[in-house]
Amino acid sequence: MKVNPAYKTKEDLVELYNTPLMELLYKAATVHREHHNPLEVQMSSLLSIKTGGCPEDCGYCPQAARYHTDVNAQKLMSVESVIEQAKNAKANGSSRLCMGAAWRNIRDNRDFDNVIQMVQAVNGLDMEVCCTLGMMSDEQAKRLKNAGLYAYNHNLDTSEDYYDDIISTREYQDRLSTIDNAKNAGISVCSGGIIGMGESIEDRMGLLMSYIKMDTPPESIPINALVPVEGTPMADQKVVEIWEMVRMVATTRIVFPESVVRLSAGRTSMSKEGQALCFMAGASSIFAGDMLLTTPNPEFNEDKELFEILGLKPKAPFQDGEKPESKTDELIEEKKKKAAAREKELAEARANSEKNSDFAPRKVVSAK
């Protein structure tokens, strides 16, 4: 991945963003055609494998436990249920499944073992597997990579300057560190932000500057429009206008010509014409299916109709990188061996007790 060398400062980006719209759209479409097939758009599905109950305070998120929303906390989905959902997504044209858990960070426990098995299973379906599980250590990143994880999503959300107005429970540097851990493990990075949270144009460009400063920018950059949710601190924010989305997508495409620009949350408020402009501006991926974690999204049949109207076709998996190999997870195998040994011991103990017919439990005489 590379950065367009013409844009080095926030001032450069602001000037680009404010280019007359038709000129900006033309520039972005030209860059997009030079680096991508303009008639291909990847369909990805986003599945909430662990919903609600999050201890953080992200001002936009209905999954935060401290906010009174309609989202109820749920346990981690079973591996079998995830496989069923993945098969359904693939049957409807999705080539990538992103699994999201409302965690602050990954913990090395049974739930993470189950996620490892989910990754192995979905990779076995020949789908790109992405996860968004919160903060992640380098060792956890290696386990996910070995399981067959293709990409890890960890959004920066906004500029570093505006970040503290949105979140107080996690530092900006924490997010950058997790992105580094994913990169170091050889995992493709998916990282973007949300517009419409009260930020300025300078803040939007500050987000892109954070990616410019990286040694390698993210392979994919999701652009989300805030979906205001009752009960969250941002419930009263105005819906993002389509022109703002077009400008943000176009600017991102021009600055990061090789990255996949993902048109993400907020599509339910966009017309077909508005989405078409975003595709012209360089968006080359959408999230398909009726929900994005807990946020409403166009259904599969609506996107199929949109693709037919615009002459688009779904992008096949692994066009931007090789399919990862799923390897045996040593920690899970060790736990299985210990469990099997324990079960064997119990079985032998039961067998020995049955052979000893003279055995009788000690009688306990109650005190009078």
Protein backbone atom coordinates (compact mmCIF):
# COMPACT_ATOMS: atom_id res chain seq x y z
CA MET A 1 0.00 0.00 0.00
CA LYS A 2 1.18 3.51 -0.70
CA VAL A 3 0.29 7.13 -0.03
CA ASN A 4 -0.10 9.72 -2.79
CA PRO A 5 3.11 11.79 -2.37
CA ALA A 6 1.31 14.99 -3.39
CA TYR A 7 -0.40 15.17 0.00
CA LYS A 8 1.89 15.54 2.99
CA THR A 9 0.16 17.92 5.39
CA LYS A 10 -3.28 18.42 6.89
CA GLU A 11 -3.51 21.68 4.94
CA ASP A 12 -2.95 19.74 1.70
CA LEU A 13 -5.79 17.41 2.62
CA VAL A 14 -8.21 20.19 3.60
CA GLU A 15 -7.54 21.92 0.28
CA LEU A 16 -8.21 18.66 -1.57
CA TYR A 17 -11.40 17.98 0.41
CA ASN A 18 -12.71 21.47 -0.46
CA THR A 19 -12.04 21.11 -4.19
CA PRO A 20 -15.21 21.87 -6.23
CA LEU A 21 -17.24 18.68 -5.98
CA MET A 22 -17.36 17.79 -9.68
CA GLU A 23 -13.61 18.28 -10.01
CA LEU A 24 -12.95 16.24 -6.86
CA LEU A 25 -15.19 13.45 -8.11
CA TYR A 26 -13.40 13.39 -11.48
CA LYS A 27 -9.96 13.23 -9.85
CA ALA A 28 -11.04 10.42 -7.52
CA ALA A 29 -12.69 8.41 -10.30
CA THR A 30 -9.53 8.71 -12.39
CA VAL A 31 -7.32 7.45 -9.55
CA HIS A 32 -9.79 4.67 -8.79
CA ARG A 33 -9.76 3.40 -12.39
CA GLU A 34 -5.96 3.39 -12.45
CA HIS A 35 -5.72 1.06 -9.45
CA HIS A 36 -9.01 -0.87 -9.25
CA ASN A 37 -11.69 -2.42 -11.43
CA PRO A 38 -14.49 0.20 -11.19
CA LEU A 39 -17.15 -2.41 -11.91
CA GLU A 40 -16.17 -4.66 -8.98
CA VAL A 41 -17.29 -4.01 -5.42
CA GLN A 42 -16.54 -6.39 -2.58
CA MET A 43 -19.53 -7.50 -0.56
CA SER A 44 -18.60 -8.11 3.07
CA SER A 45 -20.81 -9.20 5.93
CA LEU A 46 -20.42 -7.97 9.50
CA LEU A 47 -21.58 -10.34 12.23
CA SER A 48 -21.88 -9.46 15.92
CA ILE A 49 -20.63 -12.61 17.62
CA LYS A 50 -20.79 -11.03 21.09
CA THR A 51 -23.27 -8.19 21.49
CA GLY A 52 -23.56 -5.45 24.12
CA GLY A 53 -22.25 -5.06 27.66
CA CYS A 54 -19.10 -3.24 26.57
CA PRO A 55 -17.33 -1.39 29.45
CA GLU A 56 -16.14 1.48 27.24
CA ASP A 57 -17.78 4.87 26.72
CA CYS A 58 -17.56 5.48 22.95
CA GLY A 59 -20.12 8.26 22.52
CA TYR A 60 -21.57 6.85 19.32
CA CYS A 61 -21.97 3.21 20.36
CA PRO A 62 -25.23 1.61 21.58
CA GLN A 63 -23.28 -1.43 22.83
CA ALA A 64 -21.75 0.50 25.74
CA ALA A 65 -23.20 -0.89 28.97
CA ARG A 66 -23.45 2.56 30.54
CA TYR A 67 -25.93 3.85 27.94
CA HIS A 68 -29.66 3.09 28.01
CA THR A 69 -30.33 1.75 24.52
CA ASP A 70 -32.33 -1.09 23.02
CA VAL A 71 -29.22 -3.30 22.84
CA ASN A 72 -29.21 -6.17 25.32
CA ALA A 73 -25.99 -7.91 26.32
CA GLN A 74 -25.61 -11.41 24.87
CA LYS A 75 -23.10 -14.21 25.26
CA LEU A 76 -20.64 -15.24 22.58
CA MET A 77 -22.25 -17.07 19.67
CA SER A 78 -21.47 -20.74 19.19
CA VAL A 79 -19.01 -21.83 16.52
CA GLU A 80 -21.82 -23.73 14.78
CA SER A 81 -24.05 -20.64 14.61
CA VAL A 82 -21.24 -18.56 13.14
CA ILE A 83 -20.58 -21.17 10.46
CA GLU A 84 -24.28 -21.14 9.54
CA GLN A 85 -24.27 -17.34 9.26
CA ALA A 86 -21.07 -17.41 7.19
CA LYS A 87 -22.55 -19.91 4.73
CA ASN A 88 -25.64 -17.73 4.34
CA ALA A 89 -23.50 -14.63 3.73
CA LYS A 90 -21.44 -16.45 1.11
CA ALA A 91 -24.58 -17.73 -0.62
CA ASN A 92 -25.75 -14.12 -0.91
CA GLY A 93 -22.54 -12.91 -2.52
CA SER A 94 -20.29 -11.93 0.38
CA SER A 95 -16.63 -12.84 0.02
CA ARG A 96 -15.59 -11.57 3.46
CA LEU A 97 -17.00 -12.13 6.94
CA CYS A 98 -16.04 -9.73 9.70
CA MET A 99 -16.80 -10.96 13.21
CA GLY A 100 -17.20 -8.32 15.89
CA ALA A 101 -17.22 -8.74 19.67
CA ALA A 102 -18.14 -5.95 22.10
CA TRP A 103 -14.95 -6.34 24.11
CA ARG A 104 -12.53 -3.68 25.28
CA ASN A 105 -9.72 -6.12 24.64
CA ILE A 106 -9.17 -9.80 23.92
CA ARG A 107 -8.72 -12.04 26.95
CA ASP A 108 -6.89 -15.35 26.82
CA ASN A 109 -9.83 -17.50 27.84
CA ARG A 110 -12.34 -20.00 26.48
CA ASP A 111 -14.14 -17.31 24.48
CA PHE A 112 -10.95 -16.48 22.59
CA ASP A 113 -10.38 -20.19 21.96
CA ASN A 114 -13.85 -20.30 20.41
CA VAL A 115 -13.06 -17.28 18.23
CA ILE A 116 -9.93 -19.07 17.02
CA GLN A 117 -12.10 -22.01 15.97
CA MET A 118 -14.55 -19.63 14.25
CA VAL A 119 -11.70 -18.15 12.23
CA GLN A 120 -10.45 -21.60 11.23
CA ALA A 121 -13.95 -22.67 10.17
CA VAL A 122 -14.81 -19.57 8.12
CA ASN A 123 -11.40 -19.61 6.44
CA GLY A 124 -12.23 -23.17 5.46
CA LEU A 125 -15.25 -21.82 3.56
CA ASP A 126 -12.90 -19.87 1.27
CA MET A 127 -14.00 -16.52 2.66
CA GLU A 128 -11.76 -13.70 3.81
CA VAL A 129 -11.99 -13.66 7.60
CA CYS A 130 -11.84 -10.35 9.46
CA CYS A 131 -12.23 -9.76 13.20
CA THR A 132 -12.82 -6.69 15.32
CA LEU A 133 -12.35 -7.71 18.95
CA GLY A 134 -10.89 -4.64 20.64
CA MET A 135 -7.31 -4.21 21.76
CA MET A 136 -5.01 -7.09 20.92
CA SER A 137 -1.53 -8.13 22.05
CA ASP A 138 1.18 -9.33 19.69
CA GLU A 139 0.80 -12.94 20.88
CA GLN A 140 -2.96 -12.85 20.35
CA ALA A 141 -2.38 -11.45 16.87
CA LYS A 142 -0.07 -14.37 16.09
CA ARG A 143 -2.70 -16.88 17.24
CA LEU A 144 -5.32 -15.27 15.01
CA LYS A 145 -2.92 -15.20 12.06
CA ASN A 146 -2.11 -18.88 12.52
CA ALA A 147 -5.83 -19.66 12.68
CA GLY A 148 -6.27 -18.17 9.21
CA LEU A 149 -7.30 -14.58 9.95
CA TYR A 150 -7.04 -12.43 6.83
CA ALA A 151 -7.70 -8.98 8.29
CA TYR A 152 -8.13 -7.20 11.62
CA ASN A 153 -10.35 -4.15 11.97
CA HIS A 154 -9.42 -1.51 14.51
CA ASN A 155 -10.76 1.95 13.70
CA LEU A 156 -9.13 5.15 14.87
CA ASP A 157 -12.63 6.72 14.65
CA THR A 158 -11.47 10.35 14.31
CA SER A 159 -8.43 12.60 14.58
CA GLU A 160 -6.14 12.40 17.59
CA ASP A 161 -7.10 16.01 18.44
CA TYR A 162 -10.85 15.27 18.57
CA TYR A 163 -10.56 11.77 20.01
CA ASP A 164 -10.96 12.72 23.68
CA ASP A 165 -14.32 14.33 22.88
CA ILE A 166 -15.59 10.90 21.79
CA ILE A 167 -13.89 8.33 24.05
CA SER A 168 -12.20 8.43 27.46
CA THR A 169 -11.72 4.73 28.24
CA ARG A 170 -9.04 4.02 25.64
CA GLU A 171 -6.09 6.09 24.46
CA TYR A 172 -5.43 6.87 20.80
CA GLN A 173 -2.04 5.24 21.20
CA ASP A 174 -3.75 2.02 22.36
CA ARG A 175 -5.44 1.84 18.99
CA LEU A 176 -2.22 2.52 17.11
CA SER A 177 -0.46 -0.21 19.12
CA THR A 178 -3.11 -2.78 18.23
CA ILE A 179 -2.77 -1.86 14.55
CA ASP A 180 1.00 -2.35 14.85
CA ASN A 181 0.49 -5.76 16.46
CA ALA A 182 -1.73 -6.83 13.57
CA LYS A 183 0.80 -5.62 11.00
CA ASN A 184 3.69 -7.34 12.75
CA ALA A 185 1.78 -10.63 12.70
CA GLY A 186 1.28 -10.34 8.95
CA ILE A 187 -2.44 -9.57 9.19
CA SER A 188 -4.05 -7.15 6.73
CA VAL A 189 -5.18 -3.97 8.53
CA CYS A 190 -8.68 -2.51 8.19
CA SER A 191 -8.94 0.87 9.92
CA GLY A 192 -11.06 3.94 9.31
CA GLY A 193 -13.39 6.34 11.01
CA ILE A 194 -16.79 7.90 11.48
CA ILE A 195 -17.94 11.27 10.22
CA GLY A 196 -20.87 13.20 11.63
CA MET A 197 -19.84 13.16 15.31
CA GLY A 198 -19.53 16.94 15.55
CA GLU A 199 -15.97 16.99 14.22
CA SER A 200 -14.58 19.64 11.86
CA ILE A 201 -13.26 19.08 8.35
CA GLU A 202 -9.79 19.50 9.86
CA ASP A 203 -10.54 16.59 12.19
CA ARG A 204 -11.62 14.40 9.29
CA MET A 205 -8.37 15.19 7.54
CA GLY A 206 -6.53 14.65 10.83
CA LEU A 207 -7.80 11.07 10.76
CA LEU A 208 -6.31 10.57 7.30
CA MET A 209 -3.07 12.19 8.48
CA SER A 210 -2.78 9.47 11.14
CA TYR A 211 -2.69 6.90 8.33
CA ILE A 212 -0.29 8.95 6.22
CA LYS A 213 2.16 8.95 9.14
CA MET A 214 2.20 5.14 9.32
CA ASP A 215 5.01 3.19 7.68
CA THR A 216 2.32 1.47 5.63
CA PRO A 217 -1.27 2.73 5.41
CA PRO A 218 -4.14 0.30 6.02
CA GLU A 219 -5.02 -2.12 3.25
CA SER A 220 -8.63 -1.05 3.69
CA ILE A 221 -10.19 2.11 5.11
CA PRO A 222 -13.88 2.07 6.12
CA ILE A 223 -15.73 5.38 5.94
CA ASN A 224 -18.74 5.36 8.27
CA ALA A 225 -21.51 7.93 8.56
CA LEU A 226 -22.74 8.23 12.13
CA VAL A 227 -26.07 6.53 12.73
CA PRO A 228 -27.45 8.41 15.77
CA VAL A 229 -28.91 6.02 18.36
CA GLU A 230 -31.33 7.02 21.11
CA GLY A 231 -29.69 6.71 24.51
CA THR A 232 -26.15 7.51 23.37
CA PRO A 233 -24.49 10.93 23.83
CA MET A 234 -24.63 11.46 20.06
CA ALA A 235 -28.32 10.72 19.63
CA ASP A 236 -29.06 14.30 18.52
CA GLN A 237 -26.37 14.63 15.86
CA LYS A 238 -27.60 15.51 12.37
CA VAL A 239 -27.60 12.83 9.68
CA VAL A 240 -24.54 13.18 7.45
CA GLU A 241 -25.35 14.69 4.06
CA ILE A 242 -24.46 12.59 1.03
CA TRP A 243 -22.13 15.30 -0.28
CA GLU A 244 -20.00 14.94 2.84
CA MET A 245 -19.72 11.19 2.29
CA VAL A 246 -18.81 11.67 -1.37
CA ARG A 247 -16.11 14.18 -0.42
CA MET A 248 -14.71 11.93 2.31
CA VAL A 249 -14.66 8.86 0.06
CA ALA A 250 -13.12 10.80 -2.83
CA THR A 251 -10.42 12.38 -0.67
CA THR A 252 -9.54 9.01 0.88
CA ARG A 253 -9.34 7.40 -2.56
CA ILE A 254 -7.02 10.07 -3.96
CA VAL A 255 -4.69 10.03 -0.94
CA PHE A 256 -4.59 6.23 -0.62
CA PRO A 257 -4.86 5.03 -4.24
CA GLU A 258 -4.21 1.34 -3.57
CA SER A 259 -6.25 0.85 -0.39
CA VAL A 260 -9.78 -0.52 -0.43
CA VAL A 261 -12.19 2.26 0.57
CA ARG A 262 -15.19 0.72 2.30
CA LEU A 263 -18.58 2.45 2.19
CA SER A 264 -19.76 1.34 5.60
CA ALA A 265 -22.38 2.45 8.15
CA GLY A 266 -25.07 4.93 7.17
CA ARG A 267 -26.13 3.50 3.82
CA THR A 268 -29.77 3.14 4.93
CA SER A 269 -30.10 6.93 4.74
CA MET A 270 -28.46 7.12 1.29
CA SER A 271 -30.33 6.94 -1.99
CA LYS A 272 -29.22 4.65 -4.81
CA GLU A 273 -27.97 7.74 -6.62
CA GLY A 274 -25.95 8.81 -3.59
CA GLN A 275 -24.33 5.41 -3.26
CA ALA A 276 -23.55 5.44 -6.99
CA LEU A 277 -21.65 8.70 -6.51
CA CYS A 278 -19.66 7.09 -3.68
CA PHE A 279 -18.73 4.18 -5.96
CA MET A 280 -17.64 6.65 -8.65
CA ALA A 281 -15.60 8.47 -6.01
CA GLY A 282 -13.65 5.32 -5.22
CA ALA A 283 -15.60 3.17 -2.77
CA SER A 284 -14.90 -0.45 -3.68
CA SER A 285 -16.54 -2.35 -0.83
CA ILE A 286 -19.81 -2.40 1.09
CA PHE A 287 -21.13 -4.32 4.06
CA ALA A 288 -24.11 -6.40 2.99
CA GLY A 289 -26.86 -7.87 5.14
CA ASP A 290 -29.60 -6.27 7.22
CA MET A 291 -27.39 -5.44 10.24
CA LEU A 292 -23.95 -3.96 10.88
CA LEU A 293 -23.38 -5.32 14.37
CA THR A 294 -26.39 -3.52 15.92
CA THR A 295 -26.98 -0.88 13.22
CA PRO A 296 -29.59 -1.28 10.44
CA ASN A 297 -28.20 -1.86 6.95
CA PRO A 298 -29.67 -2.55 3.48
CA GLU A 299 -30.68 -6.19 3.00
CA PHE A 300 -28.98 -8.53 0.53
CA ASN A 301 -31.78 -8.25 -2.03
CA GLU A 302 -31.59 -4.43 -1.97
CA ASP A 303 -27.87 -4.53 -2.73
CA LYS A 304 -28.36 -7.09 -5.48
CA GLU A 305 -30.86 -4.73 -7.10
CA LEU A 306 -28.42 -1.82 -6.69
CA PHE A 307 -25.61 -3.82 -8.31
CA GLU A 308 -27.86 -4.75 -11.25
CA ILE A 309 -28.86 -1.12 -11.82
CA LEU A 310 -25.25 0.11 -11.72
CA GLY A 311 -23.75 -2.82 -13.61
CA LEU A 312 -21.55 -3.83 -10.68
CA LYS A 313 -20.46 -7.33 -9.75
CA PRO A 314 -19.29 -8.75 -6.41
CA LYS A 315 -15.53 -9.05 -6.03
CA ALA A 316 -14.12 -12.52 -5.50
CA PRO A 317 -12.18 -13.26 -2.28
CA PHE A 318 -8.40 -12.99 -1.98
CA GLN A 319 -7.94 -10.62 -4.92
CA ASP A 320 -5.71 -8.36 -2.83
CA GLY A 321 -3.73 -11.04 -0.98
CA GLU A 322 -3.20 -14.77 -0.59
CA LYS A 323 -5.55 -16.95 1.40
CA PRO A 324 -4.01 -17.63 4.84
CA GLU A 325 -3.32 -21.18 5.94
CA SER A 326 -5.22 -22.36 9.01
CA LYS A 327 -2.78 -24.03 11.37
CA THR A 328 -3.43 -26.13 14.44
CA ASP A 329 -3.71 -23.98 17.56
CA GLU A 330 -1.23 -25.41 20.06
CA LEU A 331 -2.93 -23.93 23.13
CA ILE A 332 -6.30 -25.41 22.21
CA GLU A 333 -4.73 -28.79 21.44
CA GLU A 334 -2.92 -28.78 24.79
CA LYS A 335 -6.19 -28.04 26.58
CA LYS A 336 -7.87 -30.88 24.68
CA LYS A 337 -5.11 -33.28 25.72
CA LYS A 338 -5.44 -32.27 29.37
CA ALA A 339 -9.23 -32.64 29.21
CA ALA A 340 -8.90 -36.08 27.61
CA ALA A 341 -6.38 -37.17 30.24
CA ARG A 342 -8.68 -35.97 33.01
CA GLU A 343 -11.63 -37.80 31.49
CA LYS A 344 -9.53 -40.96 31.28
CA GLU A 345 -8.59 -40.65 34.96
CA LEU A 346 -12.23 -40.23 35.94
CA ALA A 347 -13.27 -43.22 33.84
CA GLU A 348 -10.59 -45.39 35.46
CA ALA A 349 -11.64 -44.21 38.91
CA ARG A 350 -15.26 -45.10 38.18
CA ALA A 351 -14.24 -48.52 36.87
CA ASN A 352 -12.12 -49.24 39.95
CA SER A 353 -14.92 -48.25 42.30
CA GLU A 354 -17.30 -50.64 40.54
CA LYS A 355 -14.82 -53.52 40.91
CA ASN A 356 -14.49 -52.92 44.62
CA SER A 357 -17.90 -54.30 45.62
CA ASP A 358 -17.01 -54.13 49.33
CA PHE A 359 -16.76 -50.39 49.13
CA ALA A 360 -19.44 -48.51 51.00
CA PRO A 361 -19.56 -44.86 51.93
CA ARG A 362 -18.85 -44.04 55.57
CA LYS A 363 -21.98 -43.59 57.61
CA VAL A 364 -22.32 -40.24 59.27
CA VAL A 365 -24.00 -40.39 62.66
CA SER A 366 -25.75 -37.19 63.52
CA ALA A 367 -25.15 -35.77 66.95
CA LYS A 368 -28.05 -36.09 69.38
